[in-house]
PDB file of all heavy atoms in Angstrom:
ATOM      1  N   VAL A   1      88.014 125.104 118.523  1.00  0.00           N
ATOM      2  CA  VAL A   1      88.077 125.589 119.927  1.00  0.00           C
ATOM      3  C   VAL A   1      89.428 125.421 120.540  1.00  0.00           C
ATOM      4  O   VAL A   1      90.089 126.292 121.101  1.00  0.00           O
ATOM      5  CB  VAL A   1      86.942 125.089 120.731  1.00  0.00           C
ATOM      6  CG1 VAL A   1      87.170 125.478 122.221  1.00  0.00           C
ATOM      7  CG2 VAL A   1      85.516 125.593 120.316  1.00  0.00           C
ATOM      8  N   ARG A   2      89.909 124.180 120.370  1.00  0.00           N
ATOM      9  CA  ARG A   2      91.254 123.860 121.004  1.00  0.00           C
ATOM     10  C   ARG A   2      92.365 124.629 120.326  1.00  0.00           C
ATOM     11  O   ARG A   2      93.340 125.024 121.003  1.00  0.00           O
ATOM     12  CB  ARG A   2      91.420 122.351 120.897  1.00  0.00           C
ATOM     13  CG  ARG A   2      90.439 121.551 121.771  1.00  0.00           C
ATOM     14  CD  ARG A   2      90.853 120.118 121.958  1.00  0.00           C
ATOM     15  NE  ARG A   2      89.816 119.372 122.743  1.00  0.00           N
ATOM     16  CZ  ARG A   2      90.025 118.227 123.292  1.00  0.00           C
ATOM     17  NH1 ARG A   2      91.206 117.575 123.155  1.00  0.00           N
ATOM     18  NH2 ARG A   2      89.070 117.636 123.972  1.00  0.00           N
ATOM     19  N   VAL A   3      92.304 124.757 118.969  1.00  0.00           N
ATOM     20  CA  VAL A   3      93.303 125.535 118.229  1.00  0.00           C
ATOM     21  C   VAL A   3      93.333 126.955 118.734  1.00  0.00           C
ATOM     22  O   VAL A   3      94.356 127.628 118.941  1.00  0.00           O
ATOM     23  CB  VAL A   3      93.129 125.407 116.768  1.00  0.00           C
ATOM     24  CG1 VAL A   3      93.996 126.426 116.017  1.00  0.00           C
ATOM     25  CG2 VAL A   3      93.378 124.044 116.287  1.00  0.00           C
ATOM     26  N   ALA A   4      92.084 127.554 118.918  1.00  0.00           N
ATOM     27  CA  ALA A   4      91.874 128.930 119.357  1.00  0.00           C
ATOM     28  C   ALA A   4      92.583 129.099 120.724  1.00  0.00           C
ATOM     29  O   ALA A   4      93.185 130.146 121.096  1.00  0.00           O
ATOM     30  CB  ALA A   4      90.457 129.334 119.462  1.00  0.00           C
ATOM     31  N   ARG A   5      92.460 128.172 121.617  1.00  0.00           N
ATOM     32  CA  ARG A   5      93.067 128.196 122.996  1.00  0.00           C
ATOM     33  C   ARG A   5      94.636 128.184 122.830  1.00  0.00           C
ATOM     34  O   ARG A   5      95.293 128.929 123.549  1.00  0.00           O
ATOM     35  CB  ARG A   5      92.633 127.015 123.843  1.00  0.00           C
ATOM     36  CG  ARG A   5      91.170 127.068 124.285  1.00  0.00           C
ATOM     37  CD  ARG A   5      90.803 125.770 124.921  1.00  0.00           C
ATOM     38  NE  ARG A   5      89.361 125.730 125.270  1.00  0.00           N
ATOM     39  CZ  ARG A   5      88.734 124.595 125.549  1.00  0.00           C
ATOM     40  NH1 ARG A   5      89.337 123.430 125.552  1.00  0.00           N
ATOM     41  NH2 ARG A   5      87.431 124.637 125.863  1.00  0.00           N
ATOM     42  N   LEU A   6      95.155 127.334 121.968  1.00  0.00           N
ATOM     43  CA  LEU A   6      96.556 127.267 121.754  1.00  0.00           C
ATOM     44  C   LEU A   6      97.094 128.665 121.184  1.00  0.00           C
ATOM     45  O   LEU A   6      98.112 129.118 121.684  1.00  0.00           O
ATOM     46  CB  LEU A   6      96.954 126.174 120.778  1.00  0.00           C
ATOM     47  CG  LEU A   6      96.715 124.739 121.260  1.00  0.00           C
ATOM     48  CD1 LEU A   6      97.061 123.813 120.131  1.00  0.00           C
ATOM     49  CD2 LEU A   6      97.657 124.469 122.461  1.00  0.00           C
ATOM     50  N   ILE A   7      96.336 129.234 120.255  1.00  0.00           N
ATOM     51  CA  ILE A   7      96.730 130.577 119.714  1.00  0.00           C
ATOM     52  C   ILE A   7      96.742 131.623 120.777  1.00  0.00           C
ATOM     53  O   ILE A   7      97.735 132.458 120.843  1.00  0.00           O
ATOM     54  CB  ILE A   7      95.886 130.878 118.475  1.00  0.00           C
ATOM     55  CG1 ILE A   7      96.155 129.935 117.327  1.00  0.00           C
ATOM     56  CG2 ILE A   7      96.086 132.324 118.076  1.00  0.00           C
ATOM     57  CD1 ILE A   7      95.221 130.101 116.130  1.00  0.00           C
ATOM     58  N   ALA A   8      95.693 131.629 121.612  1.00  0.00           N
ATOM     59  CA  ALA A   8      95.574 132.654 122.626  1.00  0.00           C
ATOM     60  C   ALA A   8      96.696 132.485 123.623  1.00  0.00           C
ATOM     61  O   ALA A   8      97.333 133.508 124.090  1.00  0.00           O
ATOM     62  CB  ALA A   8      94.243 132.449 123.368  1.00  0.00           C
ATOM     63  N   ASP A   9      97.153 131.227 123.948  1.00  0.00           N
ATOM     64  CA  ASP A   9      98.172 131.023 124.871  1.00  0.00           C
ATOM     65  C   ASP A   9      99.596 131.488 124.257  1.00  0.00           C
ATOM     66  O   ASP A   9     100.329 132.115 124.909  1.00  0.00           O
ATOM     67  CB  ASP A   9      98.288 129.592 125.304  1.00  0.00           C
ATOM     68  CG  ASP A   9      99.384 129.217 126.211  1.00  0.00           C
ATOM     69  OD1 ASP A   9      99.431 129.776 127.344  1.00  0.00           O
ATOM     70  OD2 ASP A   9     100.278 128.445 125.847  1.00  0.00           O
ATOM     71  N   ILE A  10      99.738 131.220 122.908  1.00  0.00           N
ATOM     72  CA  ILE A  10     100.952 131.619 122.273  1.00  0.00           C
ATOM     73  C   ILE A  10     101.036 133.168 122.287  1.00  0.00           C
ATOM     74  O   ILE A  10     102.020 133.729 122.527  1.00  0.00           O
ATOM     75  CB  ILE A  10     100.889 131.077 120.825  1.00  0.00           C
ATOM     76  CG1 ILE A  10     101.112 129.591 120.840  1.00  0.00           C
ATOM     77  CG2 ILE A  10     102.041 131.781 120.011  1.00  0.00           C
ATOM     78  CD1 ILE A  10     100.882 128.929 119.500  1.00  0.00           C
ATOM     79  N   GLU A  11      99.932 133.820 122.015  1.00  0.00           N
ATOM     80  CA  GLU A  11      99.937 135.237 121.951  1.00  0.00           C
ATOM     81  C   GLU A  11     100.248 135.866 123.403  1.00  0.00           C
ATOM     82  O   GLU A  11     101.020 136.826 123.559  1.00  0.00           O
ATOM     83  CB  GLU A  11      98.580 135.853 121.512  1.00  0.00           C
ATOM     84  CG  GLU A  11      98.277 135.483 120.093  1.00  0.00           C
ATOM     85  CD  GLU A  11      96.847 135.751 119.696  1.00  0.00           C
ATOM     86  OE1 GLU A  11      95.971 135.925 120.687  1.00  0.00           O
ATOM     87  OE2 GLU A  11      96.563 135.836 118.492  1.00  0.00           O
ATOM     88  N   GLU A  12      99.709 135.261 124.384  1.00  0.00           N
ATOM     89  CA  GLU A  12      99.918 135.728 125.758  1.00  0.00           C
ATOM     90  C   GLU A  12     101.396 135.583 126.155  1.00  0.00           C
ATOM     91  O   GLU A  12     102.001 136.451 126.764  1.00  0.00           O
ATOM     92  CB  GLU A  12      99.000 134.959 126.752  1.00  0.00           C
ATOM     93  CG  GLU A  12      99.245 135.427 128.200  1.00  0.00           C
ATOM     94  CD  GLU A  12      98.302 134.632 129.167  1.00  0.00           C
ATOM     95  OE1 GLU A  12      97.335 133.949 128.607  1.00  0.00           O
ATOM     96  OE2 GLU A  12      98.414 134.818 130.374  1.00  0.00           O
ATOM     97  N   VAL A  13     101.962 134.375 125.896  1.00  0.00           N
ATOM     98  CA  VAL A  13     103.415 134.121 126.181  1.00  0.00           C
ATOM     99  C   VAL A  13     104.232 135.111 125.415  1.00  0.00           C
ATOM    100  O   VAL A  13     105.302 135.646 125.955  1.00  0.00           O
ATOM    101  CB  VAL A  13     103.768 132.626 125.889  1.00  0.00           C
ATOM    102  CG1 VAL A  13     105.266 132.429 126.056  1.00  0.00           C
ATOM    103  CG2 VAL A  13     103.043 131.687 126.830  1.00  0.00           C
ATOM    104  N   GLY A  14     103.970 135.341 124.125  1.00  0.00           N
ATOM    105  CA  GLY A  14     104.692 136.242 123.340  1.00  0.00           C
ATOM    106  C   GLY A  14     104.673 137.707 123.868  1.00  0.00           C
ATOM    107  O   GLY A  14     105.771 138.329 123.941  1.00  0.00           O
ATOM    108  N   ARG A  15     103.568 138.173 124.371  1.00  0.00           N
ATOM    109  CA  ARG A  15     103.424 139.419 124.950  1.00  0.00           C
ATOM    110  C   ARG A  15     104.328 139.578 126.240  1.00  0.00           C
ATOM    111  O   ARG A  15     104.995 140.556 126.440  1.00  0.00           O
ATOM    112  CB  ARG A  15     102.016 139.790 125.298  1.00  0.00           C
ATOM    113  CG  ARG A  15     101.191 140.262 124.137  1.00  0.00           C
ATOM    114  CD  ARG A  15      99.842 140.772 124.588  1.00  0.00           C
ATOM    115  NE  ARG A  15      99.057 139.861 125.291  1.00  0.00           N
ATOM    116  CZ  ARG A  15      98.085 139.055 124.671  1.00  0.00           C
ATOM    117  NH1 ARG A  15      97.979 139.176 123.349  1.00  0.00           N
ATOM    118  NH2 ARG A  15      97.345 138.209 125.330  1.00  0.00           N
ATOM    119  N   ALA A  16     104.260 138.455 127.083  1.00  0.00           N
ATOM    120  CA  ALA A  16     105.091 138.455 128.257  1.00  0.00           C
ATOM    121  C   ALA A  16     106.563 138.581 127.983  1.00  0.00           C
ATOM    122  O   ALA A  16     107.342 139.234 128.685  1.00  0.00           O
ATOM    123  CB  ALA A  16     104.676 137.252 129.108  1.00  0.00           C
ATOM    124  N   GLU A  17     106.976 137.790 126.914  1.00  0.00           N
ATOM    125  CA  GLU A  17     108.400 137.777 126.544  1.00  0.00           C
ATOM    126  C   GLU A  17     108.854 139.102 126.077  1.00  0.00           C
ATOM    127  O   GLU A  17     109.978 139.581 126.367  1.00  0.00           O
ATOM    128  CB  GLU A  17     108.654 136.699 125.538  1.00  0.00           C
ATOM    129  CG  GLU A  17     108.548 135.258 125.977  1.00  0.00           C
ATOM    130  CD  GLU A  17     109.639 134.964 127.015  1.00  0.00           C
ATOM    131  OE1 GLU A  17     110.737 135.509 126.906  1.00  0.00           O
ATOM    132  OE2 GLU A  17     109.412 134.060 127.845  1.00  0.00           O
ATOM    133  N   ARG A  18     108.031 139.761 125.320  1.00  0.00           N
ATOM    134  CA  ARG A  18     108.363 141.068 124.766  1.00  0.00           C
ATOM    135  C   ARG A  18     108.443 142.143 125.873  1.00  0.00           C
ATOM    136  O   ARG A  18     109.218 143.046 125.839  1.00  0.00           O
ATOM    137  CB  ARG A  18     107.369 141.466 123.630  1.00  0.00           C
ATOM    138  CG  ARG A  18     107.497 140.670 122.405  1.00  0.00           C
ATOM    139  CD  ARG A  18     106.732 141.349 121.265  1.00  0.00           C
ATOM    140  NE  ARG A  18     105.337 141.492 121.592  1.00  0.00           N
ATOM    141  CZ  ARG A  18     104.351 140.604 121.339  1.00  0.00           C
ATOM    142  NH1 ARG A  18     104.709 139.384 120.806  1.00  0.00           N
ATOM    143  NH2 ARG A  18     103.120 140.796 121.616  1.00  0.00           N
ATOM    144  N   LEU A  19     107.494 142.014 126.808  1.00  0.00           N
ATOM    145  CA  LEU A  19     107.510 142.908 127.965  1.00  0.00           C
ATOM    146  C   LEU A  19     108.753 142.798 128.787  1.00  0.00           C
ATOM    147  O   LEU A  19     109.357 143.868 129.167  1.00  0.00           O
ATOM    148  CB  LEU A  19     106.227 142.663 128.798  1.00  0.00           C
ATOM    149  CG  LEU A  19     106.035 143.639 130.022  1.00  0.00           C
ATOM    150  CD1 LEU A  19     105.777 145.033 129.534  1.00  0.00           C
ATOM    151  CD2 LEU A  19     104.825 143.153 130.829  1.00  0.00           C
ATOM    152  N   ARG A  20     109.222 141.566 129.002  1.00  0.00           N
ATOM    153  CA  ARG A  20     110.455 141.311 129.771  1.00  0.00           C
ATOM    154  C   ARG A  20     111.633 141.874 128.979  1.00  0.00           C
ATOM    155  O   ARG A  20     112.574 142.399 129.566  1.00  0.00           O
ATOM    156  CB  ARG A  20     110.625 139.841 129.970  1.00  0.00           C
ATOM    157  CG  ARG A  20     110.213 139.434 131.335  1.00  0.00           C
ATOM    158  CD  ARG A  20     110.740 137.946 131.713  1.00  0.00           C
ATOM    159  NE  ARG A  20     110.267 137.019 130.658  1.00  0.00           N
ATOM    160  CZ  ARG A  20     109.089 136.296 130.792  1.00  0.00           C
ATOM    161  NH1 ARG A  20     108.307 136.535 131.793  1.00  0.00           N
ATOM    162  NH2 ARG A  20     108.790 135.451 129.880  1.00  0.00           N
ATOM    163  N   ALA A  21     111.633 141.714 127.701  1.00  0.00           N
ATOM    164  CA  ALA A  21     112.806 142.167 126.893  1.00  0.00           C
ATOM    165  C   ALA A  21     112.675 143.636 126.500  1.00  0.00           C
ATOM    166  O   ALA A  21     113.694 144.231 125.958  1.00  0.00           O
ATOM    167  CB  ALA A  21     112.922 141.244 125.618  1.00  0.00           C
ATOM    168  N   GLY A  22     111.557 144.205 126.657  1.00  0.00           N
ATOM    169  CA  GLY A  22     111.361 145.559 126.345  1.00  0.00           C
ATOM    170  C   GLY A  22     111.386 145.868 124.805  1.00  0.00           C
ATOM    171  O   GLY A  22     111.956 146.787 124.284  1.00  0.00           O
ATOM    172  N   SER A  23     110.852 144.878 123.983  1.00  0.00           N
ATOM    173  CA  SER A  23     110.937 144.958 122.564  1.00  0.00           C
ATOM    174  C   SER A  23     109.543 144.921 121.975  1.00  0.00           C
ATOM    175  O   SER A  23     108.523 144.659 122.636  1.00  0.00           O
ATOM    176  CB  SER A  23     111.784 143.753 122.013  1.00  0.00           C
ATOM    177  OG  SER A  23     111.115 142.506 122.338  1.00  0.00           O
ATOM    178  N   TRP A  24     109.561 145.142 120.650  1.00  0.00           N
ATOM    179  CA  TRP A  24     108.282 145.197 119.848  1.00  0.00           C
ATOM    180  C   TRP A  24     108.438 144.233 118.651  1.00  0.00           C
ATOM    181  O   TRP A  24     109.547 144.054 118.185  1.00  0.00           O
ATOM    182  CB  TRP A  24     107.994 146.568 119.382  1.00  0.00           C
ATOM    183  CG  TRP A  24     107.617 147.540 120.354  1.00  0.00           C
ATOM    184  CD1 TRP A  24     108.526 148.419 120.966  1.00  0.00           C
ATOM    185  CD2 TRP A  24     106.370 147.762 121.021  1.00  0.00           C
ATOM    186  NE1 TRP A  24     107.852 149.133 121.943  1.00  0.00           N
ATOM    187  CE2 TRP A  24     106.578 148.833 121.990  1.00  0.00           C
ATOM    188  CE3 TRP A  24     105.132 147.300 120.779  1.00  0.00           C
ATOM    189  CZ2 TRP A  24     105.556 149.289 122.759  1.00  0.00           C
ATOM    190  CZ3 TRP A  24     104.057 147.734 121.614  1.00  0.00           C
ATOM    191  CH2 TRP A  24     104.270 148.791 122.569  1.00  0.00           C
TER     192      TRP A  24
END
């Protein structure tokens, strides 16, 4: 469960960074 939370947070931060940079 704790690993799943870390992975979800990593995915969310990654999406935010790509949105700011306008990249895929």
